[in-house]
């Protein structure tokens, strides 16, 4: 997890308050840092050339692995952000796994419909044909994306 020093987090190392510092072009590693007096973490700071400020990463991994894992995570997040931007979903925030699955499924549905249209060739569709194509696609995907919970009277009693 990235540590924001602007919030002045309470850090202790070897029984004393720690004010993290790293010189430009250097890297420092701390093992066994107490974060907010509650959690023991490892802390790594690096200030590479071209960076405006140092990057501080903390976690329960060995210090030598923290920056690598954080870098891989950032690549995934940046890739996902770029993908959302290219598909016109830049402003869509998925706060949970289920919401993200639904968003991606809708994107896949739109992609599938677009692919179907491209494979049909330069054919113009009437309004009724478009409605039929979309209806078929929605019949396949809608209930997977938005399952309807059973009516209370139809729900089975699953208590044991």
C-alpha atoms as a PDB file:
ATOM      1  CA  UNK A   1       0.000   0.000   0.000  1.00  0.00           C
ATOM      2  CA  UNK A   2       1.271   3.452  -0.816  1.00  0.00           C
ATOM      3  CA  UNK A   3       1.968   5.573   2.237  1.00  0.00           C
ATOM      4  CA  UNK A   4       0.897   9.205   2.042  1.00  0.00           C
ATOM      5  CA  UNK A   5       3.318  11.192   4.189  1.00  0.00           C
ATOM      6  CA  UNK A   6       1.189  14.310   3.736  1.00  0.00           C
ATOM      7  CA  UNK A   7      -1.232  12.927   6.347  1.00  0.00           C
ATOM      8  CA  UNK A   8       1.675  12.697   8.817  1.00  0.00           C
ATOM      9  CA  UNK A   9       1.036   9.067   9.786  1.00  0.00           C
ATOM     10  CA  UNK A  10       2.214   7.894  13.201  1.00  0.00           C
ATOM     11  CA  UNK A  11       5.157   5.558  12.602  1.00  0.00           C
ATOM     12  CA  UNK A  12       7.487   3.989  15.155  1.00  0.00           C
ATOM     13  CA  UNK A  13      10.668   2.043  14.525  1.00  0.00           C
ATOM     14  CA  UNK A  14      12.821   0.469  17.207  1.00  0.00           C
ATOM     15  CA  UNK A  15      10.746   2.147  19.897  1.00  0.00           C
ATOM     16  CA  UNK A  16      11.091   5.697  18.564  1.00  0.00           C
ATOM     17  CA  UNK A  17       9.039   7.935  16.297  1.00  0.00           C
ATOM     18  CA  UNK A  18      10.054   7.514  12.653  1.00  0.00           C
ATOM     19  CA  UNK A  19       9.991  10.430  10.225  1.00  0.00           C
ATOM     20  CA  UNK A  20      10.699   8.704   6.897  1.00  0.00           C
ATOM     21  CA  UNK A  21      13.301  10.316   4.670  1.00  0.00           C
ATOM     22  CA  UNK A  22      15.152   9.231   1.558  1.00  0.00           C
ATOM     23  CA  UNK A  23      17.615  11.221  -0.531  1.00  0.00           C
ATOM     24  CA  UNK A  24      17.032  11.739  -4.258  1.00  0.00           C
ATOM     25  CA  UNK A  25      18.361   8.779  -6.236  1.00  0.00           C
ATOM     26  CA  UNK A  26      18.359   6.471  -3.186  1.00  0.00           C
ATOM     27  CA  UNK A  27      16.244   3.734  -1.596  1.00  0.00           C
ATOM     28  CA  UNK A  28      15.716   2.950   2.102  1.00  0.00           C
ATOM     29  CA  UNK A  29      14.111  -0.067   3.765  1.00  0.00           C
ATOM     30  CA  UNK A  30      12.697  -0.443   7.244  1.00  0.00           C
ATOM     31  CA  UNK A  31      11.573  -3.736   8.763  1.00  0.00           C
ATOM     32  CA  UNK A  32       9.186  -3.940  11.710  1.00  0.00           C
ATOM     33  CA  UNK A  33       7.709  -0.429  11.598  1.00  0.00           C
ATOM     34  CA  UNK A  34       4.645   0.133  13.805  1.00  0.00           C
ATOM     35  CA  UNK A  35       1.931   1.931  11.799  1.00  0.00           C
ATOM     36  CA  UNK A  36      -0.431   3.993  13.984  1.00  0.00           C
ATOM     37  CA  UNK A  37       0.801   1.971  16.924  1.00  0.00           C
ATOM     38  CA  UNK A  38      -1.362  -0.946  15.812  1.00  0.00           C
ATOM     39  CA  UNK A  39       0.121  -2.843  12.883  1.00  0.00           C
ATOM     40  CA  UNK A  40       3.656  -3.973  12.180  1.00  0.00           C
ATOM     41  CA  UNK A  41       4.660  -3.403   8.549  1.00  0.00           C
ATOM     42  CA  UNK A  42       7.732  -3.188   6.379  1.00  0.00           C
ATOM     43  CA  UNK A  43       8.375   0.175   4.747  1.00  0.00           C
ATOM     44  CA  UNK A  44      10.345   1.022   1.616  1.00  0.00           C
ATOM     45  CA  UNK A  45      11.063   4.485   0.260  1.00  0.00           C
ATOM     46  CA  UNK A  46      12.588   5.287  -3.113  1.00  0.00           C
ATOM     47  CA  UNK A  47      13.236   8.602  -4.850  1.00  0.00           C
ATOM     48  CA  UNK A  48      14.197   7.924  -8.440  1.00  0.00           C
ATOM     49  CA  UNK A  49      15.466  10.481 -10.908  1.00  0.00           C
ATOM     50  CA  UNK A  50      12.574  12.237 -12.639  1.00  0.00           C
ATOM     51  CA  UNK A  51      10.191  11.783  -9.695  1.00  0.00           C
ATOM     52  CA  UNK A  52       8.867  14.904  -7.968  1.00  0.00           C
ATOM     53  CA  UNK A  53       8.939  13.232  -4.581  1.00  0.00           C
ATOM     54  CA  UNK A  54       9.794   9.947  -2.936  1.00  0.00           C
ATOM     55  CA  UNK A  55       7.506   6.943  -3.208  1.00  0.00           C
ATOM     56  CA  UNK A  56       6.770   5.171   0.086  1.00  0.00           C
ATOM     57  CA  UNK A  57       5.250   1.691   0.069  1.00  0.00           C
ATOM     58  CA  UNK A  58       4.362  -0.381   3.115  1.00  0.00           C
ATOM     59  CA  UNK A  59       3.067  -3.891   3.565  1.00  0.00           C
ATOM     60  CA  UNK A  60       3.610  -7.261   5.153  1.00  0.00           C
ATOM     61  CA  UNK A  61       5.842  -8.570   2.348  1.00  0.00           C
ATOM     62  CA  UNK A  62       9.618  -8.635   2.717  1.00  0.00           C
ATOM     63  CA  UNK A  63      10.995  -5.140   1.991  1.00  0.00           C
ATOM     64  CA  UNK A  64      12.890  -6.333  -1.096  1.00  0.00           C
ATOM     65  CA  UNK A  65       9.578  -7.475  -2.670  1.00  0.00           C
ATOM     66  CA  UNK A  66       7.360  -4.497  -1.811  1.00  0.00           C
ATOM     67  CA  UNK A  67       8.321  -2.162  -4.663  1.00  0.00           C
ATOM     68  CA  UNK A  68       8.108  -4.925  -7.276  1.00  0.00           C
ATOM     69  CA  UNK A  69       4.624  -6.015  -6.206  1.00  0.00           C
ATOM     70  CA  UNK A  70       3.460  -2.398  -5.983  1.00  0.00           C
ATOM     71  CA  UNK A  71       4.837  -1.731  -9.492  1.00  0.00           C
ATOM     72  CA  UNK A  72       2.955  -4.731 -10.924  1.00  0.00           C
ATOM     73  CA  UNK A  73      -0.249  -3.564  -9.266  1.00  0.00           C
ATOM     74  CA  UNK A  74       0.181  -0.079 -10.730  1.00  0.00           C
ATOM     75  CA  UNK A  75       0.658  -1.563 -14.221  1.00  0.00           C
ATOM     76  CA  UNK A  76      -2.654  -3.418 -13.884  1.00  0.00           C
ATOM     77  CA  UNK A  77      -4.504  -0.356 -12.603  1.00  0.00           C
ATOM     78  CA  UNK A  78      -3.080   1.860 -15.348  1.00  0.00           C
ATOM     79  CA  UNK A  79      -3.965  -0.733 -17.983  1.00  0.00           C
ATOM     80  CA  UNK A  80      -7.517  -0.971 -16.688  1.00  0.00           C
ATOM     81  CA  UNK A  81      -7.793   2.840 -16.582  1.00  0.00           C
ATOM     82  CA  UNK A  82      -6.531   3.084 -20.179  1.00  0.00           C
ATOM     83  CA  UNK A  83      -8.952   0.371 -21.292  1.00  0.00           C
ATOM     84  CA  UNK A  84     -11.863   2.197 -19.638  1.00  0.00           C
ATOM     85  CA  UNK A  85     -10.777   5.433 -21.329  1.00  0.00           C
ATOM     86  CA  UNK A  86     -10.613   3.872 -24.790  1.00  0.00           C
ATOM     87  CA  UNK A  87     -14.066   2.369 -24.342  1.00  0.00           C
ATOM     88  CA  UNK A  88     -15.657   5.562 -23.035  1.00  0.00           C
ATOM     89  CA  UNK A  89     -15.990   4.358 -19.435  1.00  0.00           C
ATOM     90  CA  UNK A  90     -13.424   6.732 -17.923  1.00  0.00           C
ATOM     91  CA  UNK A  91     -15.913   8.211 -15.457  1.00  0.00           C
ATOM     92  CA  UNK A  92     -17.366   4.875 -14.340  1.00  0.00           C
ATOM     93  CA  UNK A  93     -16.290   3.870 -10.849  1.00  0.00           C
ATOM     94  CA  UNK A  94     -16.667   0.254  -9.817  1.00  0.00           C
ATOM     95  CA  UNK A  95     -16.579   0.236  -6.037  1.00  0.00           C
ATOM     96  CA  UNK A  96     -16.985  -3.507  -5.681  1.00  0.00           C
ATOM     97  CA  UNK A  97     -16.187  -6.731  -7.453  1.00  0.00           C
ATOM     98  CA  UNK A  98     -19.814  -7.336  -8.493  1.00  0.00           C
ATOM     99  CA  UNK A  99     -20.148  -3.841  -9.983  1.00  0.00           C
ATOM    100  CA  UNK A 100     -16.899  -4.288 -11.892  1.00  0.00           C
ATOM    101  CA  UNK A 101     -18.072  -7.661 -13.260  1.00  0.00           C
ATOM    102  CA  UNK A 102     -21.316  -6.086 -14.456  1.00  0.00           C
ATOM    103  CA  UNK A 103     -19.487  -3.180 -16.095  1.00  0.00           C
ATOM    104  CA  UNK A 104     -17.092  -5.501 -17.895  1.00  0.00           C
ATOM    105  CA  UNK A 105     -19.958  -7.790 -18.945  1.00  0.00           C
ATOM    106  CA  UNK A 106     -21.816  -4.838 -20.452  1.00  0.00           C
ATOM    107  CA  UNK A 107     -18.661  -3.828 -22.320  1.00  0.00           C
ATOM    108  CA  UNK A 108     -18.309  -7.413 -23.569  1.00  0.00           C
ATOM    109  CA  UNK A 109     -21.959  -7.384 -24.645  1.00  0.00           C
ATOM    110  CA  UNK A 110     -21.462  -4.153 -26.598  1.00  0.00           C
ATOM    111  CA  UNK A 111     -18.299  -5.556 -28.155  1.00  0.00           C
ATOM    112  CA  UNK A 112     -20.149  -8.742 -29.138  1.00  0.00           C
ATOM    113  CA  UNK A 113     -22.978  -6.820 -30.791  1.00  0.00           C
ATOM    114  CA  UNK A 114     -20.455  -4.650 -32.626  1.00  0.00           C
ATOM    115  CA  UNK A 115     -18.536  -7.720 -33.778  1.00  0.00           C
ATOM    116  CA  UNK A 116     -21.761  -9.347 -34.981  1.00  0.00           C
ATOM    117  CA  UNK A 117     -22.587  -6.261 -37.034  1.00  0.00           C
ATOM    118  CA  UNK A 118     -19.080  -6.150 -38.535  1.00  0.00           C
ATOM    119  CA  UNK A 119     -19.165  -9.817 -39.485  1.00  0.00           C
ATOM    120  CA  UNK A 120     -22.527  -9.388 -41.228  1.00  0.00           C
ATOM    121  CA  UNK A 121     -20.818  -7.028 -43.635  1.00  0.00           C
ATOM    122  CA  UNK A 122     -21.993  -3.662 -44.950  1.00  0.00           C
ATOM    123  CA  UNK A 123     -25.671  -4.445 -44.406  1.00  0.00           C
ATOM    124  CA  UNK A 124     -28.120  -1.873 -43.155  1.00  0.00           C
ATOM    125  CA  UNK A 125     -30.421  -3.039 -40.397  1.00  0.00           C
ATOM    126  CA  UNK A 126     -33.971  -1.881 -39.958  1.00  0.00           C
ATOM    127  CA  UNK A 127     -35.154  -0.718 -36.585  1.00  0.00           C
ATOM    128  CA  UNK A 128     -36.937  -4.034 -36.074  1.00  0.00           C
ATOM    129  CA  UNK A 129     -33.766  -6.005 -36.891  1.00  0.00           C
ATOM    130  CA  UNK A 130     -31.745  -3.921 -34.433  1.00  0.00           C
ATOM    131  CA  UNK A 131     -34.364  -4.483 -31.763  1.00  0.00           C
ATOM    132  CA  UNK A 132     -34.240  -8.234 -32.458  1.00  0.00           C
ATOM    133  CA  UNK A 133     -30.437  -8.348 -32.239  1.00  0.00           C
ATOM    134  CA  UNK A 134     -30.406  -6.405 -28.989  1.00  0.00           C
ATOM    135  CA  UNK A 135     -33.308  -8.426 -27.561  1.00  0.00           C
ATOM    136  CA  UNK A 136     -31.441 -11.677 -28.244  1.00  0.00           C
ATOM    137  CA  UNK A 137     -28.261 -10.333 -26.687  1.00  0.00           C
ATOM    138  CA  UNK A 138     -30.132  -9.055 -23.664  1.00  0.00           C
ATOM    139  CA  UNK A 139     -31.953 -12.357 -23.178  1.00  0.00           C
ATOM    140  CA  UNK A 140     -28.605 -14.092 -22.941  1.00  0.00           C
ATOM    141  CA  UNK A 141     -26.846 -11.565 -20.697  1.00  0.00           C
ATOM    142  CA  UNK A 142     -29.438  -9.621 -18.729  1.00  0.00           C
ATOM    143  CA  UNK A 143     -30.366 -12.348 -16.277  1.00  0.00           C
ATOM    144  CA  UNK A 144     -26.702 -13.151 -15.704  1.00  0.00           C
ATOM    145  CA  UNK A 145     -25.919  -9.528 -14.925  1.00  0.00           C
ATOM    146  CA  UNK A 146     -29.003  -8.659 -12.923  1.00  0.00           C
ATOM    147  CA  UNK A 147     -30.513 -11.814 -11.440  1.00  0.00           C
ATOM    148  CA  UNK A 148     -33.952 -11.278  -9.977  1.00  0.00           C
ATOM    149  CA  UNK A 149     -34.165 -12.466  -6.401  1.00  0.00           C
ATOM    150  CA  UNK A 150     -37.047 -14.883  -5.803  1.00  0.00           C
ATOM    151  CA  UNK A 151     -40.267 -13.472  -4.460  1.00  0.00           C
ATOM    152  CA  UNK A 152     -40.451 -14.028  -0.699  1.00  0.00           C
ATOM    153  CA  UNK A 153     -43.374 -16.433  -1.181  1.00  0.00           C
ATOM    154  CA  UNK A 154     -41.406 -18.422  -3.764  1.00  0.00           C
ATOM    155  CA  UNK A 155     -38.182 -18.597  -1.755  1.00  0.00           C
ATOM    156  CA  UNK A 156     -37.410 -21.945  -0.213  1.00  0.00           C
ATOM    157  CA  UNK A 157     -36.668 -22.344   3.456  1.00  0.00           C
ATOM    158  CA  UNK A 158     -33.008 -23.405   3.495  1.00  0.00           C
ATOM    159  CA  UNK A 159     -32.592 -23.607   7.256  1.00  0.00           C
ATOM    160  CA  UNK A 160     -31.274 -26.890   8.584  1.00  0.00           C
END
